[in-house]
Protein backbone atom coordinates (compact mmCIF):
# COMPACT_ATOMS: atom_id res chain seq x y z
CA MET A 1 -91.42 -47.46 56.04
CA ASN A 2 -89.69 -46.13 52.95
CA PRO A 3 -85.90 -45.94 53.44
CA PHE A 4 -85.89 -42.29 52.37
CA SER A 5 -88.50 -41.15 54.83
CA SER A 6 -87.35 -39.12 57.77
CA ALA A 7 -87.40 -40.46 61.30
CA ARG A 8 -90.02 -37.85 62.20
CA PRO A 9 -93.26 -38.90 60.57
CA ALA A 10 -94.66 -36.14 58.38
CA THR A 11 -98.30 -35.36 58.76
CA ASP A 12 -100.44 -33.82 56.10
CA ASP A 13 -101.56 -31.11 58.49
CA ASP A 14 -98.04 -29.71 58.98
CA ALA A 15 -98.14 -25.91 58.69
CA GLU A 16 -95.77 -25.99 55.69
CA PHE A 17 -98.03 -28.20 53.58
CA ASP A 18 -101.30 -27.80 51.74
CA ASP A 19 -104.03 -30.43 52.04
CA TRP A 20 -103.97 -33.37 49.62
CA GLU A 21 -107.59 -32.78 48.65
CA THR A 22 -107.18 -29.10 47.71
CA PHE A 23 -105.71 -27.56 44.59
CA ALA A 24 -103.61 -24.61 45.75
CA PRO A 25 -102.31 -22.85 42.61
CA GLU A 26 -99.99 -20.67 44.70
CA SER A 27 -98.12 -23.80 45.86
CA VAL A 28 -97.46 -25.45 42.49
CA PRO A 29 -95.24 -24.35 39.63
CA ALA A 30 -96.69 -22.49 36.69
CA PRO A 31 -97.16 -24.72 33.65
CA GLY A 32 -93.96 -24.75 31.62
CA PRO A 33 -93.23 -25.04 27.91
CA PHE A 34 -93.88 -28.80 27.70
CA LEU A 35 -97.49 -28.14 28.73
CA GLN A 36 -98.10 -25.08 26.52
CA GLY A 37 -100.97 -25.55 24.09
CA HIS A 38 -102.39 -28.51 26.03
CA ASP A 39 -105.24 -28.83 28.53
CA VAL A 40 -103.51 -28.13 31.87
CA LEU A 41 -105.12 -29.93 34.79
CA GLU A 42 -106.40 -27.66 37.54
CA GLY A 43 -108.82 -27.96 40.41
CA GLU A 44 -110.41 -31.37 40.93
CA ALA A 45 -108.78 -32.86 37.81
CA HIS A 46 -105.32 -32.00 39.15
CA VAL A 47 -106.19 -33.25 42.64
CA HIS A 48 -107.57 -36.53 41.29
CA PHE A 49 -104.52 -37.36 39.18
CA HIS A 50 -102.12 -36.15 41.85
CA ASP A 51 -103.79 -38.37 44.44
CA THR A 52 -103.24 -41.33 42.10
CA THR A 53 -99.66 -40.16 41.66
CA ARG A 54 -99.12 -40.23 45.43
CA ASP A 55 -100.26 -43.88 45.55
CA LEU A 56 -98.14 -44.92 42.55
CA PHE A 57 -95.05 -43.12 43.85
CA GLU A 58 -95.52 -44.74 47.26
CA GLU A 59 -95.79 -48.17 45.69
CA ARG A 60 -92.75 -47.64 43.47
CA GLY A 61 -90.65 -45.73 46.03
CA VAL A 62 -90.42 -42.42 44.16
CA TYR A 63 -89.10 -40.45 47.11
CA ASP A 64 -87.19 -37.21 47.35
CA ALA A 65 -84.18 -38.21 49.44
CA THR A 66 -83.41 -34.59 50.38
CA PHE A 67 -86.77 -33.99 52.01
CA GLY A 68 -87.52 -37.60 52.97
CA TYR A 69 -90.99 -37.72 51.46
CA ASN A 70 -92.96 -39.12 48.55
CA LEU A 71 -92.17 -36.86 45.57
CA ALA A 72 -95.88 -36.13 45.09
CA ARG A 73 -95.80 -34.24 48.40
CA LEU A 74 -93.51 -31.60 46.86
CA ASN A 75 -96.59 -30.08 45.20
CA LEU A 76 -98.02 -29.45 48.68
CA ASP A 77 -94.83 -28.01 50.19
CA ARG A 78 -95.37 -24.26 50.64
CA ARG A 79 -91.62 -23.76 51.14
CA HIS A 80 -91.12 -24.65 47.44
CA PRO A 81 -94.07 -23.11 45.54
CA GLU A 82 -92.23 -23.14 42.21
CA ALA A 83 -91.37 -26.86 42.39
CA GLY A 84 -93.23 -30.07 41.69
CA TYR A 85 -95.31 -31.56 38.90
CA ARG A 86 -97.89 -30.00 36.63
CA TYR A 87 -100.00 -32.05 34.24
CA ALA A 88 -101.81 -31.50 30.94
CA VAL A 89 -103.89 -33.69 28.68
CA GLU A 90 -102.33 -33.71 25.22
CA ALA A 91 -104.29 -31.47 22.85
CA ASP A 92 -104.58 -34.00 20.02
CA ASP A 93 -104.92 -37.18 22.08
CA ASP A 94 -106.80 -37.35 25.37
CA SER A 95 -105.26 -40.76 26.10
CA VAL A 96 -101.89 -39.03 26.66
CA LEU A 97 -100.99 -37.04 29.75
CA ARG A 98 -97.99 -34.72 29.86
CA ALA A 99 -96.17 -34.26 33.16
CA GLU A 100 -93.55 -31.56 33.65
CA PHE A 101 -91.27 -31.65 36.68
CA THR A 102 -89.82 -28.43 38.06
CA PRO A 103 -87.11 -29.20 40.63
CA THR A 104 -86.48 -27.09 43.72
CA THR A 105 -83.13 -25.87 42.36
CA GLU A 106 -81.56 -25.55 38.94
CA PHE A 107 -78.85 -28.01 40.02
CA CYS A 108 -81.08 -30.64 41.65
CA PRO A 109 -78.83 -33.73 41.74
CA GLN A 110 -81.82 -36.08 42.01
CA ALA A 111 -83.69 -34.84 38.94
CA ASP A 112 -82.56 -37.75 36.75
CA ALA A 113 -83.63 -40.44 39.22
CA LEU A 114 -86.86 -38.64 40.13
CA VAL A 115 -88.15 -38.19 36.58
CA LYS A 116 -87.15 -41.70 35.49
CA GLY A 117 -88.80 -43.12 38.61
CA SER A 118 -91.90 -41.04 37.88
CA PHE A 119 -92.02 -42.29 34.28
CA ARG A 120 -91.69 -45.89 35.41
CA ALA A 121 -94.34 -45.53 38.12
CA TRP A 122 -96.94 -43.86 35.89
CA ASN A 123 -96.39 -46.05 32.84
CA GLY A 124 -95.60 -49.28 34.65
CA LEU A 125 -98.87 -49.00 36.58
CA ARG A 126 -100.94 -47.43 33.79
CA ASP A 127 -103.90 -49.64 34.62
CA ARG A 128 -104.35 -47.45 37.71
CA HIS A 129 -105.09 -44.21 35.84
CA ASP A 130 -106.99 -43.07 32.75
CA TYR A 131 -104.07 -42.57 30.33
CA ASP A 132 -102.31 -44.89 27.88
CA VAL A 133 -99.04 -43.08 28.38
CA VAL A 134 -97.69 -40.34 30.64
CA ARG A 135 -95.01 -38.32 28.88
CA VAL A 136 -92.51 -36.83 31.35
CA ARG A 137 -90.13 -33.90 30.90
CA VAL A 138 -87.97 -31.66 33.08
CA HIS A 139 -88.64 -27.93 33.14
CA PRO A 140 -85.93 -25.84 31.39
CA SER A 141 -84.99 -24.24 34.73
CA HIS A 142 -82.81 -27.31 35.42
CA HIS A 143 -79.27 -26.98 34.09
CA ARG A 144 -79.35 -30.48 32.52
CA HIS A 145 -82.90 -30.38 31.16
CA GLY A 146 -81.68 -31.05 27.58
CA PRO A 147 -79.91 -34.38 28.22
CA LEU A 148 -82.53 -35.45 30.79
CA ASN A 149 -85.36 -34.80 28.34
CA GLU A 150 -83.51 -36.68 25.58
CA THR A 151 -83.29 -39.72 27.86
CA LEU A 152 -86.97 -39.39 28.77
CA THR A 153 -87.86 -39.22 25.07
CA GLU A 154 -85.90 -42.43 24.48
CA LEU A 155 -87.66 -44.16 27.40
CA GLU A 156 -91.00 -43.02 26.01
CA GLU A 157 -90.18 -44.24 22.48
CA ALA A 158 -89.08 -47.64 23.80
CA PHE A 159 -92.26 -47.87 25.86
CA LEU A 160 -94.47 -46.97 22.90
CA GLU A 161 -92.68 -49.53 20.68
CA THR A 162 -92.89 -52.43 23.12
CA GLY A 163 -95.74 -51.58 25.49
CA GLU A 164 -93.32 -52.30 28.34
CA VAL A 165 -91.48 -49.87 30.58
CA PRO A 166 -87.76 -50.29 29.81
CA ASP A 167 -85.70 -52.06 32.46
CA PRO A 168 -83.78 -49.57 34.63
CA GLY A 169 -80.55 -51.44 33.81
CA THR A 170 -80.99 -50.98 30.07
CA ARG A 171 -78.56 -48.48 28.63
CA HIS A 172 -79.80 -45.98 26.10
CA PRO A 173 -77.74 -44.69 23.16
CA SER A 174 -77.43 -41.23 24.73
CA GLU A 175 -75.83 -42.70 27.87
CA GLU A 176 -72.15 -43.04 27.17
CA SER A 177 -70.31 -45.78 28.98
CA PRO A 178 -67.09 -44.73 30.72
CA PHE A 179 -65.58 -48.13 29.77
């Protein structure tokens, strides 16, 4: 059992959650600016990639500690219809998927860990989906979206240069050391 999961096992048929196999547009955030001008996944395409996401996040432990569930489940949580991930295939390169995370609150303290964990899961296990790279960004509704997106851009650039997901312990130039 994942250390962040709650003691009460969550079932997919809980009244507060949509079904994994159904795209419910009223329960996911509207596509944000990072997805504008690109082919936003909807219907079966969204469900297919999101199902893969659930498996990758489970394997890599991308869990929302506040809610005690796999972060992919946030898209199904009817209590937070404006939160979760939306995806789009990049307009000029169908080997690139864009993923934009909208947190439940503008001050979500986990946003940094959640988006970095998402990036590492998708790109570290890229043999399990149809994309060469998944570009990740935080929706502008989060108060630290600027610095978070700069760090994600640096992770992405390092990944594209080396073909390897950067080690979580590697410091990036934008991360100032307090020492």
